[in-house]
Amino acid sequence: MTTVFFVRHAEPNYKNHDDLTRELSAKGMKDRRLVTYFLQAKKIDVILSSPYKRAVDTISDFAQKRALEVHLIEDFRERRVGGWIENFDSFCQRQWSEFSYKLSGGESLKEVQDRNINALADVLLKYTGKNIAIGSHGTALSTIINYYDRRFGYTDFMKIKDLMPWVVQFDFEGKECRSIRAFNLFDIS
């Protein structure tokens, strides 16, 4: 059994519109301790992350306490939107209803899903039988859930849109997903 804990980042600083360097807010820095608390009993062998600062910063507190290195995987990054969007909810609704919809310079949810699932397949092959924590993002993680459970869609995405940090556990036998379980860390602490 390979267990993967996808960790959606804590609250970012929304004033920074640069996806790569957007850091955590003061609240996010505080809330990342919820991730550390949650993961401490999970016997994590490997820590991976999207290269985006907010994802790395969310999981790095746990990594430092366990003296584990955070390995960056480019393909676990968040969806490239194609610019800053003022009406994010409307944009998201259209993307979830048309999985191939994208703005110029952006990615469709199908492209995000394919990229993340391919990266996950490599991870499952490389770290078979391990417990893995992966720093991730709301949309990227939602497309992964949708890949294994097509019932997860726009309504479910909107329920977790502001839930940061958030953890989803996937259990695999080989490449086959056996179970998915989500954790609201604010209910656990």
Protein backbone atom coordinates (compact mmCIF):
# COMPACT_ATOMS: atom_id res chain seq x y z
CA MET A 1 0.00 0.00 0.00
CA THR A 2 1.29 3.45 -0.95
CA THR A 3 -0.32 6.36 0.89
CA VAL A 4 -0.21 9.88 -0.49
CA PHE A 5 -1.23 12.91 1.57
CA PHE A 6 -1.87 15.85 -0.74
CA VAL A 7 -1.60 19.03 1.34
CA ARG A 8 -3.38 22.03 -0.07
CA HIS A 9 -1.43 25.14 0.93
CA ALA A 10 -2.42 27.47 3.76
CA GLU A 11 -3.82 30.97 3.14
CA PRO A 12 -1.65 32.94 0.68
CA ASN A 13 -0.97 36.65 0.47
CA TYR A 14 -3.53 37.60 -2.18
CA LYS A 15 -1.84 40.97 -2.74
CA ASN A 16 1.01 39.17 -4.48
CA HIS A 17 -0.33 38.25 -7.93
CA ASP A 18 2.78 36.28 -8.97
CA ASP A 19 1.86 32.59 -8.78
CA LEU A 20 5.41 31.31 -8.31
CA THR A 21 6.44 33.67 -5.49
CA ARG A 22 3.08 34.20 -3.71
CA GLU A 23 3.95 33.64 -0.07
CA LEU A 24 1.70 32.69 2.83
CA SER A 25 -0.17 35.37 4.75
CA ALA A 26 0.47 35.77 8.49
CA LYS A 27 -2.58 33.55 9.09
CA GLY A 28 -1.20 31.01 6.61
CA MET A 29 2.13 30.91 8.41
CA LYS A 30 0.30 30.21 11.66
CA ASP A 31 -2.09 27.66 10.11
CA ARG A 32 0.69 25.61 8.52
CA ARG A 33 1.31 24.26 12.02
CA LEU A 34 -1.98 22.38 11.59
CA VAL A 35 -0.30 20.46 8.76
CA THR A 36 2.70 19.68 10.96
CA TYR A 37 0.41 18.47 13.74
CA PHE A 38 -1.65 16.32 11.36
CA LEU A 39 1.32 14.70 9.60
CA GLN A 40 3.44 14.03 12.69
CA ALA A 41 1.90 10.59 13.33
CA LYS A 42 1.68 9.56 9.67
CA LYS A 43 5.20 8.10 9.33
CA ILE A 44 5.99 10.16 6.23
CA ASP A 45 8.94 8.79 4.23
CA VAL A 46 9.12 11.38 1.44
CA ILE A 47 8.06 15.01 1.02
CA LEU A 48 7.38 16.42 -2.42
CA SER A 49 5.86 19.72 -3.45
CA SER A 50 4.74 22.01 -6.18
CA PRO A 51 7.53 24.56 -6.72
CA TYR A 52 5.20 27.44 -5.78
CA LYS A 53 6.31 29.18 -2.59
CA ARG A 54 2.97 28.92 -0.77
CA ALA A 55 2.90 25.13 -1.23
CA VAL A 56 6.53 24.70 -0.16
CA ASP A 57 6.12 27.00 2.84
CA THR A 58 3.01 25.12 4.01
CA ILE A 59 4.80 21.78 4.18
CA SER A 60 8.29 23.01 5.12
CA ASP A 61 7.54 23.39 8.85
CA PHE A 62 6.80 19.65 9.01
CA ALA A 63 9.82 18.84 6.81
CA GLN A 64 12.16 20.79 9.09
CA LYS A 65 10.83 19.09 12.23
CA ARG A 66 11.33 15.66 10.62
CA ALA A 67 14.68 16.63 9.03
CA LEU A 68 13.36 15.66 5.60
CA GLU A 69 14.11 17.46 2.35
CA VAL A 70 11.27 18.90 0.27
CA HIS A 71 11.71 17.69 -3.32
CA LEU A 72 10.11 20.00 -5.89
CA ILE A 73 8.13 18.55 -8.77
CA GLU A 74 7.23 21.10 -11.42
CA ASP A 75 4.19 19.19 -12.67
CA PHE A 76 2.45 19.43 -9.29
CA ARG A 77 2.12 23.19 -9.76
CA GLU A 78 -1.23 24.96 -9.77
CA ARG A 79 -3.26 25.70 -12.88
CA ARG A 80 -1.90 28.49 -15.05
CA VAL A 81 -4.87 30.83 -15.44
CA GLY A 82 -3.48 33.21 -18.06
CA GLY A 83 -3.80 36.40 -16.00
CA TRP A 84 -5.42 37.73 -12.85
CA ILE A 85 -9.18 37.03 -12.78
CA GLU A 86 -11.57 39.37 -10.99
CA ASN A 87 -14.64 37.08 -11.13
CA PHE A 88 -12.92 33.85 -10.12
CA ASP A 89 -16.15 31.97 -9.28
CA SER A 90 -17.62 32.51 -12.73
CA PHE A 91 -14.35 31.47 -14.39
CA CYS A 92 -14.17 28.32 -12.23
CA GLN A 93 -17.76 27.39 -12.99
CA ARG A 94 -17.08 27.57 -16.71
CA GLN A 95 -13.90 25.52 -16.39
CA TRP A 96 -15.67 22.80 -14.40
CA SER A 97 -18.57 22.69 -16.87
CA GLU A 98 -16.22 22.71 -19.89
CA PHE A 99 -13.14 20.75 -18.79
CA SER A 100 -11.22 21.89 -21.89
CA TYR A 101 -12.03 25.63 -21.46
CA LYS A 102 -9.07 27.94 -20.93
CA LEU A 103 -8.02 31.54 -21.38
CA SER A 104 -5.23 32.55 -23.73
CA GLY A 105 -1.96 31.58 -22.04
CA GLY A 106 -3.78 29.47 -19.45
CA GLU A 107 -4.51 25.80 -18.87
CA SER A 108 -7.76 23.89 -18.98
CA LEU A 109 -8.71 21.67 -16.05
CA LYS A 110 -8.12 18.67 -18.34
CA GLU A 111 -4.53 19.82 -18.94
CA VAL A 112 -3.99 20.39 -15.21
CA GLN A 113 -5.45 16.98 -14.43
CA ASP A 114 -3.32 15.19 -17.04
CA ARG A 115 -0.14 16.91 -15.83
CA ASN A 116 -0.80 16.13 -12.16
CA ILE A 117 -1.91 12.53 -12.78
CA ASN A 118 1.21 11.86 -14.88
CA ALA A 119 3.39 13.26 -12.09
CA LEU A 120 1.52 11.17 -9.53
CA ALA A 121 2.02 8.01 -11.63
CA ASP A 122 5.78 8.65 -11.59
CA VAL A 123 5.69 9.17 -7.81
CA LEU A 124 3.74 5.93 -7.26
CA LEU A 125 6.29 4.02 -9.31
CA LYS A 126 9.30 5.59 -7.60
CA TYR A 127 8.02 5.44 -4.02
CA THR A 128 5.96 2.23 -3.96
CA GLY A 129 4.98 1.22 -0.42
CA LYS A 130 5.93 4.59 1.09
CA ASN A 131 3.97 7.28 2.90
CA ILE A 132 4.28 10.48 0.89
CA ALA A 133 3.30 14.08 1.62
CA ILE A 134 2.87 16.41 -1.36
CA GLY A 135 2.47 20.21 -1.13
CA SER A 136 -0.32 21.10 -3.52
CA HIS A 137 -3.05 23.56 -4.55
CA GLY A 138 -6.85 23.68 -4.51
CA THR A 139 -7.51 23.36 -8.23
CA ALA A 140 -4.70 20.90 -8.93
CA LEU A 141 -5.80 18.69 -6.04
CA SER A 142 -9.46 18.92 -7.05
CA THR A 143 -8.65 17.67 -10.55
CA ILE A 144 -6.79 14.72 -9.03
CA ILE A 145 -9.80 13.84 -6.88
CA ASN A 146 -12.03 14.20 -9.96
CA TYR A 147 -9.82 11.78 -11.90
CA TYR A 148 -10.48 9.03 -9.36
CA ASP A 149 -14.02 10.09 -8.44
CA ARG A 150 -15.90 11.78 -11.31
CA ARG A 151 -18.63 12.86 -8.88
CA PHE A 152 -16.25 15.53 -7.51
CA GLY A 153 -17.02 18.69 -9.48
CA TYR A 154 -17.69 22.41 -9.30
CA THR A 155 -19.99 22.25 -6.24
CA ASP A 156 -17.40 20.26 -4.30
CA PHE A 157 -14.63 22.60 -5.44
CA MET A 158 -16.59 25.60 -4.18
CA LYS A 159 -17.01 23.90 -0.77
CA ILE A 160 -13.23 23.71 -0.34
CA LYS A 161 -12.33 26.92 -2.19
CA ASP A 162 -11.53 28.79 1.01
CA LEU A 163 -10.41 25.79 3.08
CA MET A 164 -6.68 26.27 3.56
CA PRO A 165 -4.81 24.19 4.53
CA TRP A 166 -6.66 21.02 3.56
CA VAL A 167 -5.39 17.43 3.32
CA VAL A 168 -6.62 14.59 1.13
CA GLN A 169 -5.32 11.07 1.69
CA PHE A 170 -5.16 8.64 -1.24
CA ASP A 171 -4.37 4.95 -0.69
CA PHE A 172 -3.00 3.03 -3.67
CA GLU A 173 -2.32 -0.59 -4.54
CA GLY A 174 0.08 -0.14 -7.42
CA LYS A 175 -1.56 2.53 -9.60
CA GLU A 176 -5.09 1.70 -8.45
CA CYS A 177 -6.64 4.15 -6.03
CA ARG A 178 -8.32 2.18 -3.24
CA SER A 179 -9.63 5.03 -1.12
CA ILE A 180 -9.82 8.81 -0.82
CA ARG A 181 -10.34 10.59 2.48
CA ALA A 182 -10.39 14.36 3.06
CA PHE A 183 -9.44 16.08 6.32
CA ASN A 184 -10.51 19.53 7.47
CA LEU A 185 -7.57 20.34 9.72
CA PHE A 186 -9.55 23.00 11.58
CA ASP A 187 -11.88 20.25 12.83
CA ILE A 188 -9.01 18.04 14.00
CA SER A 189 -6.89 20.45 16.05
